[in-house]
Protein backbone atom coordinates (compact mmCIF):
# COMPACT_ATOMS: atom_id res chain seq x y z
CA MET A 1 -2.23 -8.65 -3.31
CA ILE A 2 -3.73 -6.03 -1.00
CA ILE A 3 -1.41 -5.04 1.84
CA THR A 4 -2.49 -2.98 4.86
CA GLY A 5 -1.10 -2.32 8.30
CA ILE A 6 0.93 -0.17 10.60
CA ALA A 7 4.56 0.79 10.08
CA GLY A 8 3.83 1.71 6.48
CA ASP A 9 7.36 3.04 6.08
CA ASN A 10 8.85 -0.29 7.20
CA CYS A 11 6.78 -3.48 7.44
CA VAL A 12 4.22 -2.60 4.77
CA LEU A 13 6.90 -1.20 2.44
CA PHE A 14 9.10 -4.31 2.67
CA THR A 15 6.14 -6.67 2.33
CA ALA A 16 5.05 -4.77 -0.79
CA ALA A 17 8.60 -4.99 -2.17
CA ASP A 18 8.69 -8.76 -1.56
CA ALA A 19 5.32 -9.17 -3.29
CA TYR A 20 6.44 -7.04 -6.25
CA MET A 21 9.65 -9.05 -6.66
CA ARG A 22 7.51 -12.20 -6.76
CA GLU A 23 5.46 -10.62 -9.57
CA PHE A 24 2.24 -10.00 -7.64
CA ASP A 25 0.06 -7.03 -8.51
CA VAL A 26 0.32 -4.90 -5.38
CA ALA A 27 -2.27 -2.60 -3.80
CA VAL A 28 -1.63 -0.60 -0.63
CA PRO A 29 -4.71 1.49 0.14
CA ALA A 30 -3.52 4.87 1.40
CA ASP A 31 -6.22 4.97 4.08
CA CYS A 32 -5.33 1.50 5.41
CA THR A 33 -1.72 2.07 6.41
CA ALA A 34 -0.07 4.25 9.03
CA SER A 35 3.37 5.14 10.33
CA LEU A 36 4.57 6.99 13.40
CA ASP A 37 5.27 9.99 11.19
CA ALA A 38 2.67 11.07 8.60
CA ASP A 39 5.33 12.44 6.22
CA CYS A 40 7.22 9.14 6.31
CA ASN A 41 3.98 7.31 5.54
CA ARG A 42 3.27 9.58 2.57
CA SER A 43 6.81 9.09 1.28
CA ALA A 44 6.54 5.32 1.63
CA LEU A 45 3.23 5.29 -0.25
CA GLU A 46 4.73 7.41 -3.02
CA HIS A 47 7.73 5.10 -3.23
CA MET A 48 5.44 2.05 -3.46
CA ARG A 49 3.34 3.75 -6.14
CA VAL A 50 6.29 4.75 -8.31
CA THR A 51 8.85 2.01 -7.76
CA LEU A 52 6.66 -1.01 -7.01
CA LYS A 53 3.78 0.04 -9.30
CA ALA A 54 1.44 -0.29 -6.31
CA ASP A 55 -2.14 0.95 -6.43
CA THR A 56 -2.26 3.42 -3.52
CA ARG A 57 -5.74 4.84 -4.05
CA LEU A 58 -8.24 4.84 -1.18
CA ALA A 59 -9.67 1.45 -0.23
CA LYS A 60 -13.14 2.31 -1.58
CA ARG A 61 -11.54 2.87 -5.01
CA ILE A 62 -9.60 -0.40 -4.95
CA LEU A 63 -12.18 -2.76 -3.48
CA PRO A 64 -15.47 -3.34 -5.25
CA THR A 65 -18.55 -2.51 -3.21
CA ARG A 66 -21.23 -5.13 -2.72
CA ARG A 67 -24.85 -4.35 -3.28
CA ALA A 68 -27.49 -6.54 -1.69
């Protein structure tokens, strides 16, 4: 499951936790989430990476690119 959005330190974090508890593979691209405070966003991403085993690389690293 790929999760993006604002309030990375709240809404995105808790959605990722719910997905992890339901045994989904979780990805939260670091460049597709934001919080009011950049340090809080970084901390939330680190927490998701370590605790929830979330893939927090940049979106271009997570999503395959299409070639015409």
